[in-house]
Amino acid sequence: QVQLVESGGGLVQAGGSLRLSCAASGSIFSISSMGWYRQAPGKQRELVATVTNGNNTYYADSVQGRFTIARDNAKNTVYLQMYSLKPEDTAVYYCRARVRPDALLTWEYDYWGQGTQVTVSS
């Protein structure tokens, strides 16, 4: 089993910054990609940013230029640095890791964290 533990959420004023962290632990041989998603009240969960183990990144248009995703492969940890936060960034942020549990296995599973609340006041 794999556990993802997120931290770093909170309340911030518009224009402020926050840094989210997500550490994966458990039965992990490798992690091909890690990412952040968010879900605002009454809305579907949406992709925010992803990073591969080769450090290729992808950002949603809504956060491009304001958010930066990074990962520490040695620690199985992914970060999301958020700048210039807006009230519309308010949501529960979820971490996802695509994990290959064992060297003898060829398939991967997606694991999710429990979510961390980010609230941006105007």
PDB file of N, CA and C in Angstrom:
ATOM      1  N   GLN A   1       0.848  -1.204   0.000  1.00  0.00           N
ATOM      2  CA  GLN A   1       0.000   0.000   0.000  1.00  0.00           C
ATOM      3  C   GLN A   1       0.874   1.241   0.000  1.00  0.00           C
ATOM      4  N   VAL A   2       0.304   2.307  -0.541  1.00  0.00           N
ATOM      5  CA  VAL A   2       1.010   3.584  -0.657  1.00  0.00           C
ATOM      6  C   VAL A   2       0.181   4.668   0.023  1.00  0.00           C
ATOM      7  N   GLN A   3       0.852   5.520   0.762  1.00  0.00           N
ATOM      8  CA  GLN A   3       0.187   6.640   1.417  1.00  0.00           C
ATOM      9  C   GLN A   3       0.771   7.953   0.891  1.00  0.00           C
ATOM     10  N   LEU A   4      -0.119   8.911   0.664  1.00  0.00           N
ATOM     11  CA  LEU A   4       0.288  10.261   0.282  1.00  0.00           C
ATOM     12  C   LEU A   4      -0.179  11.207   1.379  1.00  0.00           C
ATOM     13  N   VAL A   5       0.741  11.994   1.903  1.00  0.00           N
ATOM     14  CA  VAL A   5       0.415  12.933   2.969  1.00  0.00           C
ATOM     15  C   VAL A   5       0.716  14.343   2.487  1.00  0.00           C
ATOM     16  N   GLU A   6      -0.318  15.169   2.443  1.00  0.00           N
ATOM     17  CA  GLU A   6      -0.197  16.547   1.980  1.00  0.00           C
ATOM     18  C   GLU A   6      -0.093  17.488   3.167  1.00  0.00           C
ATOM     19  N   SER A   7       0.537  18.621   2.929  1.00  0.00           N
ATOM     20  CA  SER A   7       0.610  19.659   3.956  1.00  0.00           C
ATOM     21  C   SER A   7       0.814  21.004   3.279  1.00  0.00           C
ATOM     22  N   GLY A   8       0.573  22.081   4.042  1.00  0.00           N
ATOM     23  CA  GLY A   8       0.870  23.411   3.539  1.00  0.00           C
ATOM     24  C   GLY A   8      -0.315  24.259   3.174  1.00  0.00           C
ATOM     25  N   GLY A   9      -1.515  23.713   3.237  1.00  0.00           N
ATOM     26  CA  GLY A   9      -2.678  24.520   2.922  1.00  0.00           C
ATOM     27  C   GLY A   9      -2.968  25.531   4.018  1.00  0.00           C
ATOM     28  N   GLY A  10      -3.918  26.412   3.750  1.00  0.00           N
ATOM     29  CA  GLY A  10      -4.277  27.406   4.743  1.00  0.00           C
ATOM     30  C   GLY A  10      -5.047  28.555   4.150  1.00  0.00           C
ATOM     31  N   LEU A  11      -5.141  29.618   4.927  1.00  0.00           N
ATOM     32  CA  LEU A  11      -5.863  30.827   4.529  1.00  0.00           C
ATOM     33  C   LEU A  11      -4.851  31.915   4.190  1.00  0.00           C
ATOM     34  N   VAL A  12      -5.048  32.550   3.045  1.00  0.00           N
ATOM     35  CA  VAL A  12      -4.133  33.594   2.608  1.00  0.00           C
ATOM     36  C   VAL A  12      -4.923  34.679   1.892  1.00  0.00           C
ATOM     37  N   GLN A  13      -4.421  35.890   1.928  1.00  0.00           N
ATOM     38  CA  GLN A  13      -5.084  36.976   1.220  1.00  0.00           C
ATOM     39  C   GLN A  13      -4.732  36.936  -0.264  1.00  0.00           C
ATOM     40  N   ALA A  14      -5.594  37.492  -1.068  1.00  0.00           N
ATOM     41  CA  ALA A  14      -5.336  37.578  -2.502  1.00  0.00           C
ATOM     42  C   ALA A  14      -3.991  38.267  -2.743  1.00  0.00           C
ATOM     43  N   GLY A  15      -3.230  37.682  -3.671  1.00  0.00           N
ATOM     44  CA  GLY A  15      -1.902  38.194  -3.959  1.00  0.00           C
ATOM     45  C   GLY A  15      -0.805  37.503  -3.170  1.00  0.00           C
ATOM     46  N   GLY A  16      -1.205  36.718  -2.190  1.00  0.00           N
ATOM     47  CA  GLY A  16      -0.247  36.038  -1.345  1.00  0.00           C
ATOM     48  C   GLY A  16       0.268  34.744  -1.951  1.00  0.00           C
ATOM     49  N   SER A  17       1.060  34.019  -1.151  1.00  0.00           N
ATOM     50  CA  SER A  17       1.707  32.793  -1.615  1.00  0.00           C
ATOM     51  C   SER A  17       1.502  31.667  -0.611  1.00  0.00           C
ATOM     52  N   LEU A  18       1.528  30.450  -1.119  1.00  0.00           N
ATOM     53  CA  LEU A  18       1.508  29.250  -0.293  1.00  0.00           C
ATOM     54  C   LEU A  18       2.342  28.184  -0.982  1.00  0.00           C
ATOM     55  N   ARG A  19       2.865  27.261  -0.188  1.00  0.00           N
ATOM     56  CA  ARG A  19       3.604  26.127  -0.736  1.00  0.00           C
ATOM     57  C   ARG A  19       3.016  24.839  -0.189  1.00  0.00           C
ATOM     58  N   LEU A  20       2.560  23.990  -1.099  1.00  0.00           N
ATOM     59  CA  LEU A  20       2.025  22.692  -0.722  1.00  0.00           C
ATOM     60  C   LEU A  20       3.097  21.629  -0.898  1.00  0.00           C
ATOM     61  N   SER A  21       3.048  20.626  -0.019  1.00  0.00           N
ATOM     62  CA  SER A  21       3.954  19.490  -0.106  1.00  0.00           C
ATOM     63  C   SER A  21       3.154  18.205  -0.060  1.00  0.00           C
ATOM     64  N   CYS A  22       3.670  17.172  -0.704  1.00  0.00           N
ATOM     65  CA  CYS A  22       3.021  15.859  -0.686  1.00  0.00           C
ATOM     66  C   CYS A  22       4.107  14.799  -0.703  1.00  0.00           C
ATOM     67  N   ALA A  23       4.142  13.994   0.345  1.00  0.00           N
ATOM     68  CA  ALA A  23       5.142  12.942   0.465  1.00  0.00           C
ATOM     69  C   ALA A  23       4.487  11.579   0.311  1.00  0.00           C
ATOM     70  N   ALA A  24       5.062  10.749  -0.548  1.00  0.00           N
ATOM     71  CA  ALA A  24       4.566   9.400  -0.779  1.00  0.00           C
ATOM     72  C   ALA A  24       5.437   8.412  -0.025  1.00  0.00           C
ATOM     73  N   SER A  25       4.788   7.406   0.566  1.00  0.00           N
ATOM     74  CA  SER A  25       5.523   6.374   1.292  1.00  0.00           C
ATOM     75  C   SER A  25       4.808   5.043   1.150  1.00  0.00           C
ATOM     76  N   GLY A  26       5.534   3.970   1.468  1.00  0.00           N
ATOM     77  CA  GLY A  26       4.947   2.643   1.382  1.00  0.00           C
ATOM     78  C   GLY A  26       5.636   1.795   0.344  1.00  0.00           C
ATOM     79  N   SER A  27       4.856   0.946  -0.311  1.00  0.00           N
ATOM     80  CA  SER A  27       5.386   0.017  -1.294  1.00  0.00           C
ATOM     81  C   SER A  27       5.588   0.725  -2.635  1.00  0.00           C
ATOM     82  N   ILE A  28       6.771   1.283  -2.827  1.00  0.00           N
ATOM     83  CA  ILE A  28       7.072   2.078  -4.020  1.00  0.00           C
ATOM     84  C   ILE A  28       8.359   1.601  -4.658  1.00  0.00           C
ATOM     85  N   PHE A  29       8.263   1.162  -5.926  1.00  0.00           N
ATOM     86  CA  PHE A  29       9.471   0.882  -6.701  1.00  0.00           C
ATOM     87  C   PHE A  29       9.864   2.122  -7.491  1.00  0.00           C
ATOM     88  N   SER A  30       8.870   2.744  -8.120  1.00  0.00           N
ATOM     89  CA  SER A  30       9.119   3.979  -8.855  1.00  0.00           C
ATOM     90  C   SER A  30       7.819   4.771  -8.978  1.00  0.00           C
ATOM     91  N   ILE A  31       7.968   6.053  -9.230  1.00  0.00           N
ATOM     92  CA  ILE A  31       6.824   6.945  -9.452  1.00  0.00           C
ATOM     93  C   ILE A  31       7.041   7.649 -10.783  1.00  0.00           C
ATOM     94  N   SER A  32       6.192   7.386 -11.751  1.00  0.00           N
ATOM     95  CA  SER A  32       6.397   7.976 -13.065  1.00  0.00           C
ATOM     96  C   SER A  32       5.944   9.423 -13.122  1.00  0.00           C
ATOM     97  N   SER A  33       4.865   9.750 -12.478  1.00  0.00           N
ATOM     98  CA  SER A  33       4.412  11.134 -12.485  1.00  0.00           C
ATOM     99  C   SER A  33       3.732  11.461 -11.170  1.00  0.00           C
ATOM    100  N   MET A  34       3.787  12.720 -10.821  1.00  0.00           N
ATOM    101  CA  MET A  34       3.086  13.235  -9.646  1.00  0.00           C
ATOM    102  C   MET A  34       2.376  14.511 -10.065  1.00  0.00           C
ATOM    103  N   GLY A  35       1.274  14.784  -9.396  1.00  0.00           N
ATOM    104  CA  GLY A  35       0.523  15.959  -9.803  1.00  0.00           C
ATOM    105  C   GLY A  35      -0.361  16.497  -8.705  1.00  0.00           C
ATOM    106  N   TRP A  36      -0.865  17.670  -8.980  1.00  0.00           N
ATOM    107  CA  TRP A  36      -1.798  18.340  -8.078  1.00  0.00           C
ATOM    108  C   TRP A  36      -3.101  18.596  -8.821  1.00  0.00           C
ATOM    109  N   TYR A  37      -4.190  18.338  -8.145  1.00  0.00           N
ATOM    110  CA  TYR A  37      -5.526  18.602  -8.642  1.00  0.00           C
ATOM    111  C   TYR A  37      -6.247  19.428  -7.581  1.00  0.00           C
ATOM    112  N   ARG A  38      -7.350  20.041  -7.982  1.00  0.00           N
ATOM    113  CA  ARG A  38      -8.125  20.786  -6.999  1.00  0.00           C
ATOM    114  C   ARG A  38      -9.611  20.655  -7.298  1.00  0.00           C
ATOM    115  N   GLN A  39     -10.387  20.828  -6.246  1.00  0.00           N
ATOM    116  CA  GLN A  39     -11.839  20.760  -6.383  1.00  0.00           C
ATOM    117  C   GLN A  39     -12.463  21.851  -5.531  1.00  0.00           C
ATOM    118  N   ALA A  40     -13.136  22.759  -6.204  1.00  0.00           N
ATOM    119  CA  ALA A  40     -13.850  23.823  -5.524  1.00  0.00           C
ATOM    120  C   ALA A  40     -15.283  23.363  -5.237  1.00  0.00           C
ATOM    121  N   PRO A  41     -15.954  23.963  -4.269  1.00  0.00           N
ATOM    122  CA  PRO A  41     -17.327  23.556  -3.936  1.00  0.00           C
ATOM    123  C   PRO A  41     -18.238  23.630  -5.154  1.00  0.00           C
ATOM    124  N   GLY A  42     -18.956  22.549  -5.395  1.00  0.00           N
ATOM    125  CA  GLY A  42     -19.901  22.511  -6.498  1.00  0.00           C
ATOM    126  C   GLY A  42     -19.286  22.320  -7.869  1.00  0.00           C
ATOM    127  N   LYS A  43     -17.977  22.098  -7.907  1.00  0.00           N
ATOM    128  CA  LYS A  43     -17.293  21.930  -9.194  1.00  0.00           C
ATOM    129  C   LYS A  43     -16.582  20.577  -9.249  1.00  0.00           C
ATOM    130  N   GLN A  44     -16.248  20.171 -10.472  1.00  0.00           N
ATOM    131  CA  GLN A  44     -15.516  18.924 -10.640  1.00  0.00           C
ATOM    132  C   GLN A  44     -14.045  19.120 -10.305  1.00  0.00           C
ATOM    133  N   ARG A  45     -13.414  18.022  -9.954  1.00  0.00           N
ATOM    134  CA  ARG A  45     -11.984  18.072  -9.708  1.00  0.00           C
ATOM    135  C   ARG A  45     -11.257  18.384 -11.032  1.00  0.00           C
ATOM    136  N   GLU A  46     -10.275  19.264 -10.955  1.00  0.00           N
ATOM    137  CA  GLU A  46      -9.544  19.657 -12.154  1.00  0.00           C
ATOM    138  C   GLU A  46      -8.043  19.540 -11.942  1.00  0.00           C
ATOM    139  N   LEU A  47      -7.357  19.307 -13.053  1.00  0.00           N
ATOM    140  CA  LEU A  47      -5.913  19.209 -13.021  1.00  0.00           C
ATOM    141  C   LEU A  47      -5.302  20.594 -12.844  1.00  0.00           C
ATOM    142  N   VAL A  48      -4.310  20.685 -11.965  1.00  0.00           N
ATOM    143  CA  VAL A  48      -3.591  21.938 -11.763  1.00  0.00           C
ATOM    144  C   VAL A  48      -2.222  21.876 -12.423  1.00  0.00           C
ATOM    145  N   ALA A  49      -1.449  20.851 -12.077  1.00  0.00           N
ATOM    146  CA  ALA A  49      -0.102  20.719 -12.613  1.00  0.00           C
ATOM    147  C   ALA A  49       0.395  19.301 -12.414  1.00  0.00           C
ATOM    148  N   THR A  50       1.282  18.854 -13.319  1.00  0.00           N
ATOM    149  CA  THR A  50       1.909  17.553 -13.177  1.00  0.00           C
ATOM    150  C   THR A  50       3.397  17.659 -13.487  1.00  0.00           C
ATOM    151  N   VAL A  51       4.142  16.686 -12.966  1.00  0.00           N
ATOM    152  CA  VAL A  51       5.574  16.604 -13.255  1.00  0.00           C
ATOM    153  C   VAL A  51       5.957  15.135 -13.372  1.00  0.00           C
ATOM    154  N   THR A  52       6.742  14.817 -14.389  1.00  0.00           N
ATOM    155  CA  THR A  52       7.184  13.438 -14.584  1.00  0.00           C
ATOM    156  C   THR A  52       8.507  13.203 -13.852  1.00  0.00           C
ATOM    157  N   ASN A  53       8.947  11.949 -13.851  1.00  0.00           N
ATOM    158  CA  ASN A  53      10.224  11.669 -13.209  1.00  0.00           C
ATOM    159  C   ASN A  53      11.382  12.222 -14.020  1.00  0.00           C
ATOM    160  N   GLY A  54      11.115  12.660 -15.241  1.00  0.00           N
ATOM    161  CA  GLY A  54      12.121  13.342 -16.049  1.00  0.00           C
ATOM    162  C   GLY A  54      12.016  14.844 -15.970  1.00  0.00           C
ATOM    163  N   ASN A  55      11.175  15.307 -15.031  1.00  0.00           N
ATOM    164  CA  ASN A  55      10.967  16.736 -14.786  1.00  0.00           C
ATOM    165  C   ASN A  55      10.279  17.474 -15.924  1.00  0.00           C
ATOM    166  N   ASN A  56       9.501  16.758 -16.709  1.00  0.00           N
ATOM    167  CA  ASN A  56       8.627  17.432 -17.668  1.00  0.00           C
ATOM    168  C   ASN A  56       7.391  17.896 -16.915  1.00  0.00           C
ATOM    169  N   THR A  57       7.020  19.140 -17.111  1.00  0.00           N
ATOM    170  CA  THR A  57       5.909  19.707 -16.357  1.00  0.00           C
ATOM    171  C   THR A  57       4.766  20.118 -17.280  1.00  0.00           C
ATOM    172  N   TYR A  58       3.584  20.163 -16.677  1.00  0.00           N
ATOM    173  CA  TYR A  58       2.386  20.636 -17.383  1.00  0.00           C
ATOM    174  C   TYR A  58       1.593  21.472 -16.396  1.00  0.00           C
ATOM    175  N   TYR A  59       1.034  22.591 -16.884  1.00  0.00           N
ATOM    176  CA  TYR A  59       0.216  23.459 -16.051  1.00  0.00           C
ATOM    177  C   TYR A  59      -1.109  23.760 -16.728  1.00  0.00           C
ATOM    178  N   ALA A  60      -2.155  23.832 -15.928  1.00  0.00           N
ATOM    179  CA  ALA A  60      -3.417  24.328 -16.444  1.00  0.00           C
ATOM    180  C   ALA A  60      -3.254  25.796 -16.815  1.00  0.00           C
ATOM    181  N   ASP A  61      -3.998  26.230 -17.803  1.00  0.00           N
ATOM    182  CA  ASP A  61      -3.898  27.616 -18.249  1.00  0.00           C
ATOM    183  C   ASP A  61      -4.155  28.602 -17.115  1.00  0.00           C
ATOM    184  N   SER A  62      -5.059  28.236 -16.225  1.00  0.00           N
ATOM    185  CA  SER A  62      -5.466  29.142 -15.154  1.00  0.00           C
ATOM    186  C   SER A  62      -4.362  29.423 -14.140  1.00  0.00           C
ATOM    187  N   VAL A  63      -3.334  28.570 -14.100  1.00  0.00           N
ATOM    188  CA  VAL A  63      -2.263  28.743 -13.108  1.00  0.00           C
ATOM    189  C   VAL A  63      -0.905  28.973 -13.749  1.00  0.00           C
ATOM    190  N   GLN A  64      -0.840  28.857 -15.072  1.00  0.00           N
ATOM    191  CA  GLN A  64       0.429  29.043 -15.781  1.00  0.00           C
ATOM    192  C   GLN A  64       1.037  30.402 -15.426  1.00  0.00           C
ATOM    193  N   GLY A  65       2.298  30.385 -15.049  1.00  0.00           N
ATOM    194  CA  GLY A  65       2.985  31.617 -14.707  1.00  0.00           C
ATOM    195  C   GLY A  65       2.851  32.037 -13.255  1.00  0.00           C
ATOM    196  N   ARG A  66       1.935  31.402 -12.530  1.00  0.00           N
ATOM    197  CA  ARG A  66       1.744  31.738 -11.100  1.00  0.00           C
ATOM    198  C   ARG A  66       2.138  30.585 -10.181  1.00  0.00           C
ATOM    199  N   PHE A  67       1.979  29.353 -10.660  1.00  0.00           N
ATOM    200  CA  PHE A  67       2.292  28.169  -9.858  1.00  0.00           C
ATOM    201  C   PHE A  67       3.505  27.468 -10.443  1.00  0.00           C
ATOM    202  N   THR A  68       4.282  26.830  -9.553  1.00  0.00           N
ATOM    203  CA  THR A  68       5.423  26.038  -9.977  1.00  0.00           C
ATOM    204  C   THR A  68       5.378  24.688  -9.277  1.00  0.00           C
ATOM    205  N   ILE A  69       5.462  23.619 -10.072  1.00  0.00           N
ATOM    206  CA  ILE A  69       5.490  22.273  -9.517  1.00  0.00           C
ATOM    207  C   ILE A  69       6.919  21.747  -9.585  1.00  0.00           C
ATOM    208  N   ALA A  70       7.318  21.020  -8.545  1.00  0.00           N
ATOM    209  CA  ALA A  70       8.654  20.445  -8.502  1.00  0.00           C
ATOM    210  C   ALA A  70       8.598  19.160  -7.694  1.00  0.00           C
ATOM    211  N   ARG A  71       9.541  18.276  -7.936  1.00  0.00           N
ATOM    212  CA  ARG A  71       9.563  17.032  -7.178  1.00  0.00           C
ATOM    213  C   ARG A  71      10.985  16.701  -6.749  1.00  0.00           C
ATOM    214  N   ASP A  72      11.052  16.001  -5.627  1.00  0.00           N
ATOM    215  CA  ASP A  72      12.311  15.487  -5.105  1.00  0.00           C
ATOM    216  C   ASP A  72      12.202  13.973  -5.196  1.00  0.00           C
ATOM    217  N   ASN A  73      12.841  13.379  -6.188  1.00  0.00           N
ATOM    218  CA  ASN A  73      12.693  11.943  -6.416  1.00  0.00           C
ATOM    219  C   ASN A  73      13.255  11.123  -5.258  1.00  0.00           C
ATOM    220  N   ALA A  74      14.302  11.617  -4.642  1.00  0.00           N
ATOM    221  CA  ALA A  74      14.911  10.875  -3.536  1.00  0.00           C
ATOM    222  C   ALA A  74      13.964  10.788  -2.343  1.00  0.00           C
ATOM    223  N   LYS A  75      13.094  11.784  -2.210  1.00  0.00           N
ATOM    224  CA  LYS A  75      12.158  11.813  -1.078  1.00  0.00           C
ATOM    225  C   LYS A  75      10.742  11.431  -1.486  1.00  0.00           C
ATOM    226  N   ASN A  76      10.543  11.104  -2.765  1.00  0.00           N
ATOM    227  CA  ASN A  76       9.192  10.793  -3.266  1.00  0.00           C
ATOM    228  C   ASN A  76       8.204  11.893  -2.876  1.00  0.00           C
ATOM    229  N   THR A  77       8.631  13.107  -3.057  1.00  0.00           N
ATOM    230  CA  THR A  77       7.847  14.265  -2.626  1.00  0.00           C
ATOM    231  C   THR A  77       7.636  15.222  -3.791  1.00  0.00           C
ATOM    232  N   VAL A  78       6.445  15.786  -3.847  1.00  0.00           N
ATOM    233  CA  VAL A  78       6.131  16.789  -4.861  1.00  0.00           C
ATOM    234  C   VAL A  78       5.671  18.054  -4.152  1.00  0.00           C
ATOM    235  N   TYR A  79       6.037  19.189  -4.732  1.00  0.00           N
ATOM    236  CA  TYR A  79       5.712  20.490  -4.167  1.00  0.00           C
ATOM    237  C   TYR A  79       4.901  21.314  -5.171  1.00  0.00           C
ATOM    238  N   LEU A  80       4.099  22.197  -4.651  1.00  0.00           N
ATOM    239  CA  LEU A  80       3.402  23.162  -5.502  1.00  0.00           C
ATOM    240  C   LEU A  80       3.579  24.529  -4.862  1.00  0.00           C
ATOM    241  N   GLN A  81       4.387  25.357  -5.482  1.00  0.00           N
ATOM    242  CA  GLN A  81       4.584  26.725  -5.021  1.00  0.00           C
ATOM    243  C   GLN A  81       3.578  27.606  -5.741  1.00  0.00           C
ATOM    244  N   MET A  82       2.765  28.291  -4.964  1.00  0.00           N
ATOM    245  CA  MET A  82       1.684  29.099  -5.525  1.00  0.00           C
ATOM    246  C   MET A  82       1.929  30.569  -5.196  1.00  0.00           C
ATOM    247  N   TYR A  83       1.998  31.382  -6.232  1.00  0.00           N
ATOM    248  CA  TYR A  83       2.178  32.823  -6.090  1.00  0.00           C
ATOM    249  C   TYR A  83       0.935  33.541  -6.635  1.00  0.00           C
ATOM    250  N   SER A  84       0.824  34.818  -6.282  1.00  0.00           N
ATOM    251  CA  SER A  84      -0.247  35.673  -6.807  1.00  0.00           C
ATOM    252  C   SER A  84      -1.598  34.981  -6.720  1.00  0.00           C
ATOM    253  N   LEU A  85      -1.888  34.446  -5.574  1.00  0.00           N
ATOM    254  CA  LEU A  85      -3.124  33.687  -5.404  1.00  0.00           C
ATOM    255  C   LEU A  85      -4.346  34.576  -5.574  1.00  0.00           C
ATOM    256  N   LYS A  86      -5.389  33.968  -6.140  1.00  0.00           N
ATOM    257  CA  LYS A  86      -6.643  34.657  -6.397  1.00  0.00           C
ATOM    258  C   LYS A  86      -7.762  33.939  -5.643  1.00  0.00           C
ATOM    259  N   PRO A  87      -8.858  34.644  -5.357  1.00  0.00           N
ATOM    260  CA  PRO A  87      -9.984  33.976  -4.689  1.00  0.00           C
ATOM    261  C   PRO A  87     -10.466  32.740  -5.454  1.00  0.00           C
ATOM    262  N   GLU A  88     -10.375  32.750  -6.773  1.00  0.00           N
ATOM    263  CA  GLU A  88     -10.817  31.593  -7.550  1.00  0.00           C
ATOM    264  C   GLU A  88      -9.877  30.399  -7.433  1.00  0.00           C
ATOM    265  N   ASP A  89      -8.752  30.548  -6.761  1.00  0.00           N
ATOM    266  CA  ASP A  89      -7.881  29.413  -6.474  1.00  0.00           C
ATOM    267  C   ASP A  89      -8.344  28.651  -5.236  1.00  0.00           C
ATOM    268  N   THR A  90      -9.336  29.175  -4.552  1.00  0.00           N
ATOM    269  CA  THR A  90      -9.853  28.508  -3.364  1.00  0.00           C
ATOM    270  C   THR A  90     -10.426  27.145  -3.717  1.00  0.00           C
ATOM    271  N   ALA A  91      -9.927  26.114  -3.049  1.00  0.00           N
ATOM    272  CA  ALA A  91     -10.348  24.739  -3.329  1.00  0.00           C
ATOM    273  C   ALA A  91      -9.647  23.795  -2.361  1.00  0.00           C
ATOM    274  N   VAL A  92     -10.071  22.546  -2.397  1.00  0.00           N
ATOM    275  CA  VAL A  92      -9.296  21.486  -1.756  1.00  0.00           C
ATOM    276  C   VAL A  92      -8.304  20.971  -2.795  1.00  0.00           C
ATOM    277  N   TYR A  93      -7.040  20.947  -2.440  1.00  0.00           N
ATOM    278  CA  TYR A  93      -5.987  20.515  -3.342  1.00  0.00           C
ATOM    279  C   TYR A  93      -5.577  19.084  -2.999  1.00  0.00           C
ATOM    280  N   TYR A  94      -5.544  18.256  -4.040  1.00  0.00           N
ATOM    281  CA  TYR A  94      -5.224  16.847  -3.886  1.00  0.00           C
ATOM    282  C   TYR A  94      -3.933  16.516  -4.634  1.00  0.00           C
ATOM    283  N   CYS A  95      -3.141  15.676  -4.019  1.00  0.00           N
ATOM    284  CA  CYS A  95      -1.924  15.181  -4.633  1.00  0.00           C
ATOM    285  C   CYS A  95      -2.206  13.803  -5.233  1.00  0.00           C
ATOM    286  N   ARG A  96      -1.604  13.512  -6.382  1.00  0.00           N
ATOM    287  CA  ARG A  96      -1.727  12.205  -7.021  1.00  0.00           C
ATOM    288  C   ARG A  96      -0.335  11.709  -7.397  1.00  0.00           C
ATOM    289  N   ALA A  97      -0.118  10.411  -7.202  1.00  0.00           N
ATOM    290  CA  ALA A  97       1.137   9.790  -7.620  1.00  0.00           C
ATOM    291  C   ALA A  97       0.823   8.528  -8.414  1.00  0.00           C
ATOM    292  N   ARG A  98       1.489   8.367  -9.557  1.00  0.00           N
ATOM    293  CA  ARG A  98       1.336   7.158 -10.374  1.00  0.00           C
ATOM    294  C   ARG A  98       2.510   6.247 -10.034  1.00  0.00           C
ATOM    295  N   VAL A  99       2.198   5.174  -9.325  1.00  0.00           N
ATOM    296  CA  VAL A  99       3.213   4.354  -8.656  1.00  0.00           C
ATOM    297  C   VAL A  99       3.316   2.971  -9.279  1.00  0.00           C
ATOM    298  N   ARG A 100       4.557   2.548  -9.469  1.00  0.00           N
ATOM    299  CA  ARG A 100       4.838   1.146  -9.780  1.00  0.00           C
ATOM    300  C   ARG A 100       5.287   0.518  -8.466  1.00  0.00           C
ATOM    301  N   PRO A 101       4.484  -0.367  -7.905  1.00  0.00           N
ATOM    302  CA  PRO A 101       4.751  -0.828  -6.541  1.00  0.00           C
ATOM    303  C   PRO A 101       5.976  -1.724  -6.387  1.00  0.00           C
ATOM    304  N   ASP A 102       6.296  -2.464  -7.463  1.00  0.00           N
ATOM    305  CA  ASP A 102       7.342  -3.470  -7.307  1.00  0.00           C
ATOM    306  C   ASP A 102       8.080  -3.649  -8.626  1.00  0.00           C
ATOM    307  N   ALA A 103       9.360  -4.004  -8.550  1.00  0.00           N
ATOM    308  CA  ALA A 103      10.165  -4.182  -9.761  1.00  0.00           C
ATOM    309  C   ALA A 103       9.658  -5.336 -10.618  1.00  0.00           C
ATOM    310  N   LEU A 104       8.978  -6.292 -10.003  1.00  0.00           N
ATOM    311  CA  LEU A 104       8.479  -7.444 -10.740  1.00  0.00           C
ATOM    312  C   LEU A 104       7.161  -7.159 -11.432  1.00  0.00           C
ATOM    313  N   LEU A 105       6.555  -6.023 -11.118  1.00  0.00           N
ATOM    314  CA  LEU A 105       5.283  -5.639 -11.725  1.00  0.00           C
ATOM    315  C   LEU A 105       5.527  -4.628 -12.836  1.00  0.00           C
ATOM    316  N   THR A 106       4.707  -4.679 -13.875  1.00  0.00           N
ATOM    317  CA  THR A 106       4.865  -3.740 -14.987  1.00  0.00           C
ATOM    318  C   THR A 106       3.777  -2.681 -15.016  1.00  0.00           C
ATOM    319  N   TRP A 107       2.777  -2.817 -14.149  1.00  0.00           N
ATOM    320  CA  TRP A 107       1.703  -1.839 -14.190  1.00  0.00           C
ATOM    321  C   TRP A 107       1.846  -0.831 -13.067  1.00  0.00           C
ATOM    322  N   GLU A 108       1.082   0.250 -13.209  1.00  0.00           N
ATOM    323  CA  GLU A 108       1.123   1.344 -12.252  1.00  0.00           C
ATOM    324  C   GLU A 108      -0.272   1.616 -11.710  1.00  0.00           C
ATOM    325  N   TYR A 109      -0.313   2.180 -10.532  1.00  0.00           N
ATOM    326  CA  TYR A 109      -1.568   2.565  -9.898  1.00  0.00           C
ATOM    327  C   TYR A 109      -1.524   4.051  -9.550  1.00  0.00           C
ATOM    328  N   ASP A 110      -2.677   4.671  -9.601  1.00  0.00           N
ATOM    329  CA  ASP A 110      -2.804   6.051  -9.140  1.00  0.00           C
ATOM    330  C   ASP A 110      -3.239   6.069  -7.680  1.00  0.00           C
ATOM    331  N   TYR A 111      -2.470   6.768  -6.873  1.00  0.00           N
ATOM    332  CA  TYR A 111      -2.825   6.954  -5.475  1.00  0.00           C
ATOM    333  C   TYR A 111      -3.079   8.440  -5.235  1.00  0.00           C
ATOM    334  N   TRP A 112      -3.980   8.721  -4.275  1.00  0.00           N
ATOM    335  CA  TRP A 112      -4.397  10.089  -3.981  1.00  0.00           C
ATOM    336  C   TRP A 112      -4.191  10.405  -2.511  1.00  0.00           C
ATOM    337  N   GLY A 113      -3.883  11.662  -2.260  1.00  0.00           N
ATOM    338  CA  GLY A 113      -3.834  12.136  -0.892  1.00  0.00           C
ATOM    339  C   GLY A 113      -5.222  12.480  -0.391  1.00  0.00           C
ATOM    340  N   GLN A 114      -5.281  12.887   0.871  1.00  0.00           N
ATOM    341  CA  GLN A 114      -6.562  13.165   1.500  1.00  0.00           C
ATOM    342  C   GLN A 114      -7.071  14.577   1.203  1.00  0.00           C
ATOM    343  N   GLY A 115      -6.219  15.415   0.666  1.00  0.00           N
ATOM    344  CA  GLY A 115      -6.608  16.775   0.326  1.00  0.00           C
ATOM    345  C   GLY A 115      -6.218  17.777   1.396  1.00  0.00           C
ATOM    346  N   THR A 116      -5.899  18.985   0.948  1.00  0.00           N
ATOM    347  CA  THR A 116      -5.588  20.074   1.869  1.00  0.00           C
ATOM    348  C   THR A 116      -6.310  21.326   1.383  1.00  0.00           C
ATOM    349  N   GLN A 117      -6.938  22.032   2.307  1.00  0.00           N
ATOM    350  CA  GLN A 117      -7.751  23.192   1.945  1.00  0.00           C
ATOM    351  C   GLN A 117      -6.881  24.418   1.715  1.00  0.00           C
ATOM    352  N   VAL A 118      -7.127  25.090   0.606  1.00  0.00           N
ATOM    353  CA  VAL A 118      -6.519  26.388   0.324  1.00  0.00           C
ATOM    354  C   VAL A 118      -7.652  27.393   0.168  1.00  0.00           C
ATOM    355  N   THR A 119      -7.614  28.433   0.972  1.00  0.00           N
ATOM    356  CA  THR A 119      -8.640  29.471   0.927  1.00  0.00           C
ATOM    357  C   THR A 119      -7.968  30.818   0.693  1.00  0.00           C
ATOM    358  N   VAL A 120      -8.404  31.503  -0.349  1.00  0.00           N
ATOM    359  CA  VAL A 120      -7.848  32.816  -0.693  1.00  0.00           C
ATOM    360  C   VAL A 120      -8.932  33.859  -0.498  1.00  0.00           C
ATOM    361  N   SER A 121      -8.691  34.781   0.412  1.00  0.00           N
ATOM    362  CA  SER A 121      -9.682  35.823   0.695  1.00  0.00           C
ATOM    363  C   SER A 121      -9.416  37.052  -0.164  1.00  0.00           C
ATOM    364  N   SER A 122     -10.484  37.735  -0.497  1.00  0.00           N
ATOM    365  CA  SER A 122     -10.350  38.925  -1.359  1.00  0.00           C
ATOM    366  C   SER A 122     -10.145  40.188  -0.540  1.00  0.00           C
TER     367      SER A 122
END
